[in-house]
Amino acid sequence: MSSAKRKSLLAWVSGVVFVSILCAHAVSPDPASPKAKPTALVVSVPWPSPAYRYTFHVLSGHPEVTDRYDDIILENASRRSLNPRLIKAIIAAESEFDGSALSPRGARGLMQILPLTAQELGYSRQALATPEGNIAAGSAYLAVLYAAAWRQYHLKGMAYADAPLWVQERIVAAYNAGPRALKQNSWMRQTRNYVRKVLLFYHSDVSEFRRSPKRPGPEPLLAREDTLP
C-alpha cells in the first residue's frame, strides 16, 4: 500500500472512531448528570435461603396468622396509593406477623418501626404497640420513601405501581437501611438479603389477601418445634 493510501485509510479510521465516540456520548446518559438514572438491581435472582424456606413453610401453614391484619393493610395501602402485597411482604420479612416483635435497636411491632421515626411521622410510641398504629406508621414511612425516590429519579406523573423494578428494590432496601440506600449502587449483604426476602414473600401466597374475617381473642402465635441456628 502506498504512503498516500495508508494516510488516507488512517484518516478515515480516525474519523469513524471520533464520530462513534460522539454518538456514544449523545445516546448514553452522563453518569455525572443529575438526571442520570442507575438501573442496577439490589438483587438479580431472589433465591430462597434455608432460613427463608423454613420461615415460609411455617407462615404459609398458618393463614389465621398471616391474614389477621389484611383489612388494616388494605386500608393503609389504599390511603397512600401503595401496593398492599408489598406492605404484607415487609411485615412477613420484618416480624413474621408478630405484633410484639422488638429488635435489638428498638424497632417495634409488625413493621419494625423505630419510635423516633414514628414520632417524626406523627405517631406516638404507644401507637406502635397496636396493629392499627404500627401498620399505619410503617405504611407512612414506606410512602415517604416512595416520594423521595420519585423526586430523586424524576418520576413525577408515574404511578407507584408502574415503577421499574430497580426503583422498587431501592425503596425496599431503604426501608431496611435508611433513605441513603435509594441513591446507592452497592449495598451491604444484610440489606441485599433483606430485599431478597421481601421479594420472595411478595411473590408467595403469604402475601395473598384472602379477606378472612378477623378472629376474636388474643393474637395467635406461631408454634415452632425447632429453630434455625
Protein backbone atom coordinates (compact mmCIF):
# COMPACT_ATOMS: atom_id res chain seq x y z
CA MET A 1 0.00 0.00 0.00
CA SER A 2 1.33 3.42 -0.96
CA SER A 3 2.10 6.04 1.67
CA ALA A 4 -0.72 8.26 0.41
CA LYS A 5 -3.28 5.44 0.63
CA ARG A 6 -2.05 4.48 4.10
CA LYS A 7 -2.50 8.08 5.33
CA SER A 8 -5.96 8.23 3.75
CA LEU A 9 -7.01 4.97 5.46
CA LEU A 10 -5.72 6.12 8.84
CA ALA A 11 -7.59 9.40 8.49
CA TRP A 12 -10.83 7.55 7.63
CA VAL A 13 -10.48 5.17 10.61
CA SER A 14 -9.77 8.09 12.96
CA GLY A 15 -12.85 9.88 11.69
CA VAL A 16 -15.06 6.83 12.26
CA VAL A 17 -13.76 6.38 15.81
CA PHE A 18 -14.29 10.08 16.57
CA VAL A 19 -17.87 10.03 15.28
CA SER A 20 -18.57 6.81 17.23
CA ILE A 21 -17.39 8.45 20.45
CA LEU A 22 -19.61 11.47 19.82
CA CYS A 23 -22.62 9.23 19.17
CA ALA A 24 -21.97 7.19 22.30
CA HIS A 25 -21.92 10.35 24.43
CA ALA A 26 -25.08 11.60 22.75
CA VAL A 27 -27.02 8.38 23.37
CA SER A 28 -25.67 7.26 26.76
CA PRO A 29 -26.56 9.29 29.86
CA ASP A 30 -23.71 11.05 31.59
CA PRO A 31 -23.24 9.34 34.98
CA ALA A 32 -22.44 12.75 36.48
CA SER A 33 -25.69 14.24 35.23
CA PRO A 34 -28.29 14.80 37.99
CA LYS A 35 -30.94 13.23 35.75
CA ALA A 36 -28.95 10.08 35.01
CA LYS A 37 -30.82 7.06 36.42
CA PRO A 38 -28.99 3.99 37.70
CA THR A 39 -30.57 0.70 36.76
CA ALA A 40 -28.57 -1.77 38.86
CA LEU A 41 -30.76 -4.17 40.81
CA VAL A 42 -30.17 -4.70 44.51
CA VAL A 43 -30.67 -8.44 43.88
CA SER A 44 -30.97 -10.05 40.46
CA VAL A 45 -32.33 -13.51 41.26
CA PRO A 46 -34.11 -13.85 44.63
CA TRP A 47 -33.07 -17.39 45.50
CA PRO A 48 -34.51 -18.80 48.75
CA SER A 49 -32.11 -19.45 51.61
CA PRO A 50 -32.68 -22.33 54.08
CA ALA A 51 -33.84 -19.81 56.69
CA TYR A 52 -36.37 -18.34 54.28
CA ARG A 53 -37.67 -21.77 53.25
CA TYR A 54 -38.22 -22.66 56.90
CA THR A 55 -39.99 -19.38 57.70
CA PHE A 56 -42.10 -19.62 54.55
CA HIS A 57 -43.12 -23.18 55.47
CA VAL A 58 -44.26 -22.04 58.91
CA LEU A 59 -46.11 -18.92 57.72
CA SER A 60 -47.81 -20.49 54.71
CA GLY A 61 -49.33 -23.11 57.00
CA HIS A 62 -50.93 -20.52 59.29
CA PRO A 63 -53.28 -18.19 57.37
CA GLU A 64 -55.00 -17.37 60.66
CA VAL A 65 -51.77 -15.52 61.50
CA THR A 66 -50.76 -14.08 58.12
CA ASP A 67 -54.27 -12.89 57.17
CA ARG A 68 -55.23 -11.41 60.51
CA TYR A 69 -54.30 -7.84 59.53
CA ASP A 70 -55.49 -7.84 55.91
CA ASP A 71 -58.19 -5.22 56.46
CA ILE A 72 -55.74 -2.82 58.15
CA ILE A 73 -53.15 -3.35 55.41
CA LEU A 74 -55.65 -2.77 52.61
CA GLU A 75 -56.95 0.39 54.26
CA ASN A 76 -53.48 1.91 54.64
CA ALA A 77 -52.38 0.84 51.17
CA SER A 78 -55.43 2.48 49.62
CA ARG A 79 -54.93 5.68 51.63
CA ARG A 80 -51.34 6.09 50.40
CA SER A 81 -51.57 4.52 46.92
CA LEU A 82 -49.26 1.69 47.97
CA ASN A 83 -49.21 -1.94 46.91
CA PRO A 84 -50.83 -3.93 49.75
CA ARG A 85 -48.84 -7.04 48.83
CA LEU A 86 -45.62 -5.11 49.39
CA ILE A 87 -46.76 -3.97 52.84
CA LYS A 88 -47.68 -7.53 53.74
CA ALA A 89 -44.36 -8.87 52.40
CA ILE A 90 -42.47 -6.33 54.53
CA ILE A 91 -44.43 -7.41 57.61
CA ALA A 92 -43.54 -11.04 56.87
CA ALA A 93 -39.86 -10.18 56.49
CA GLU A 94 -39.69 -7.79 59.44
CA SER A 95 -41.66 -9.55 62.18
CA GLU A 96 -43.25 -12.70 60.74
CA PHE A 97 -46.60 -11.14 61.80
CA ASP A 98 -45.58 -10.97 65.47
CA GLY A 99 -47.02 -7.74 66.86
CA SER A 100 -44.80 -7.93 69.94
CA ALA A 101 -41.53 -8.18 67.99
CA LEU A 102 -38.72 -5.95 69.27
CA SER A 103 -35.37 -5.58 67.51
CA PRO A 104 -32.02 -5.03 69.29
CA ARG A 105 -32.10 -1.44 68.01
CA GLY A 106 -35.56 -0.84 69.46
CA ALA A 107 -37.69 -1.19 66.32
CA ARG A 108 -41.16 -2.29 67.32
CA GLY A 109 -44.08 -4.33 66.16
CA LEU A 110 -45.28 -5.74 62.88
CA MET A 111 -43.41 -3.34 60.60
CA GLN A 112 -40.46 -2.82 62.98
CA ILE A 113 -40.67 0.95 63.26
CA LEU A 114 -38.30 2.91 65.49
CA PRO A 115 -40.15 5.16 67.96
CA LEU A 116 -38.20 8.21 66.75
CA THR A 117 -39.22 7.52 63.15
CA ALA A 118 -42.82 7.08 64.24
CA GLN A 119 -42.76 10.41 66.11
CA GLU A 120 -41.40 12.19 63.03
CA LEU A 121 -44.36 10.77 61.11
CA GLY A 122 -46.86 11.86 63.75
CA TYR A 123 -47.33 8.54 65.59
CA SER A 124 -46.69 8.02 69.28
CA ARG A 125 -44.61 5.26 70.87
CA GLN A 126 -47.83 3.85 72.29
CA ALA A 127 -49.38 3.63 68.81
CA LEU A 128 -46.65 1.24 67.72
CA ALA A 129 -47.94 -1.32 70.22
CA THR A 130 -51.20 -1.70 68.30
CA PRO A 131 -51.58 -3.35 64.87
CA GLU A 132 -53.51 -0.33 63.57
CA GLY A 133 -50.92 2.20 64.71
CA ASN A 134 -47.90 0.12 63.73
CA ILE A 135 -49.11 -0.64 60.20
CA ALA A 136 -50.19 2.98 59.75
CA ALA A 137 -46.74 4.25 60.81
CA GLY A 138 -44.91 1.66 58.68
CA SER A 139 -47.06 2.45 55.66
CA ALA A 140 -46.49 6.17 56.17
CA TYR A 141 -42.73 5.61 56.25
CA LEU A 142 -42.92 3.50 53.09
CA ALA A 143 -44.88 6.29 51.39
CA VAL A 144 -42.17 8.80 52.42
CA LEU A 145 -39.54 6.58 50.76
CA TYR A 146 -41.63 6.35 47.59
CA ALA A 147 -41.98 10.13 47.46
CA ALA A 148 -38.22 10.52 47.96
CA ALA A 149 -37.50 8.06 45.14
CA TRP A 150 -39.91 9.90 42.85
CA ARG A 151 -38.05 13.15 43.49
CA GLN A 152 -34.62 11.52 43.19
CA TYR A 153 -35.34 9.86 39.85
CA HIS A 154 -37.76 12.41 38.36
CA LEU A 155 -40.73 10.03 38.17
CA LYS A 156 -43.46 12.67 38.56
CA GLY A 157 -46.64 11.53 36.84
CA MET A 158 -45.84 7.82 37.13
CA ALA A 159 -47.99 5.68 39.40
CA TYR A 160 -46.16 3.90 42.21
CA ALA A 161 -47.31 0.56 40.78
CA ASP A 162 -45.61 1.33 37.46
CA ALA A 163 -42.14 1.97 38.89
CA PRO A 164 -39.36 -0.14 37.34
CA LEU A 165 -38.00 -2.99 39.42
CA TRP A 166 -34.70 -1.24 40.19
CA VAL A 167 -36.64 1.61 41.84
CA GLN A 168 -38.88 -0.75 43.81
CA GLU A 169 -35.86 -2.68 45.08
CA ARG A 170 -34.14 0.53 46.20
CA ILE A 171 -37.23 1.54 48.16
CA VAL A 172 -37.29 -1.83 49.93
CA ALA A 173 -33.56 -1.50 50.62
CA ALA A 174 -34.16 1.98 52.07
CA TYR A 175 -36.87 0.63 54.37
CA ASN A 176 -34.19 -1.63 55.84
CA ALA A 177 -31.04 0.51 55.62
CA GLY A 178 -32.30 4.09 55.55
CA PRO A 179 -33.01 6.64 52.79
CA ARG A 180 -29.37 6.71 51.65
CA ALA A 181 -29.92 3.29 50.06
CA LEU A 182 -32.09 4.96 47.43
CA LYS A 183 -29.04 6.53 45.80
CA GLN A 184 -26.58 3.68 46.12
CA ASN A 185 -25.42 1.19 43.52
CA SER A 186 -23.91 -1.21 46.05
CA TRP A 187 -25.42 -2.50 49.28
CA MET A 188 -24.36 -4.45 52.34
CA ARG A 189 -25.06 -8.17 52.34
CA GLN A 190 -27.64 -7.80 55.12
CA THR A 191 -29.60 -5.31 53.02
CA ARG A 192 -29.41 -7.50 49.90
CA ASN A 193 -30.63 -10.48 51.92
CA TYR A 194 -33.50 -8.38 53.27
CA VAL A 195 -34.57 -7.25 49.78
CA ARG A 196 -34.37 -10.84 48.56
CA LYS A 197 -36.56 -11.99 51.46
CA VAL A 198 -39.20 -9.32 50.81
CA LEU A 199 -39.32 -10.17 47.10
CA LEU A 200 -39.74 -13.87 47.84
CA PHE A 201 -42.59 -13.20 50.26
CA TYR A 202 -44.12 -10.74 47.80
CA HIS A 203 -44.42 -13.45 45.14
CA SER A 204 -45.63 -16.14 47.57
CA ASP A 205 -49.06 -16.99 48.92
CA VAL A 206 -48.02 -15.49 52.27
CA SER A 207 -48.78 -12.05 50.76
CA GLU A 208 -52.14 -13.01 49.26
CA PHE A 209 -55.34 -11.39 50.52
CA ARG A 210 -57.97 -13.97 51.29
CA ARG A 211 -60.08 -11.48 53.22
CA SER A 212 -60.70 -13.91 56.04
CA PRO A 213 -62.71 -12.41 58.93
CA LYS A 214 -60.82 -11.15 61.94
CA ARG A 215 -60.68 -13.71 64.69
CA PRO A 216 -61.64 -12.54 68.20
CA GLY A 217 -59.46 -13.10 71.21
CA PRO A 218 -55.71 -12.87 71.71
CA GLU A 219 -53.41 -12.78 68.72
CA PRO A 220 -52.44 -16.29 67.57
CA LEU A 221 -48.78 -17.16 67.83
CA LEU A 222 -46.76 -19.45 65.57
CA ALA A 223 -45.90 -22.77 67.17
CA ARG A 224 -42.37 -23.82 66.23
CA GLU A 225 -40.82 -27.11 67.19
CA ASP A 226 -37.32 -26.09 66.21
CA THR A 227 -35.27 -23.07 65.21
CA LEU A 228 -32.52 -22.46 62.76
CA PRO A 229 -29.06 -21.52 64.05
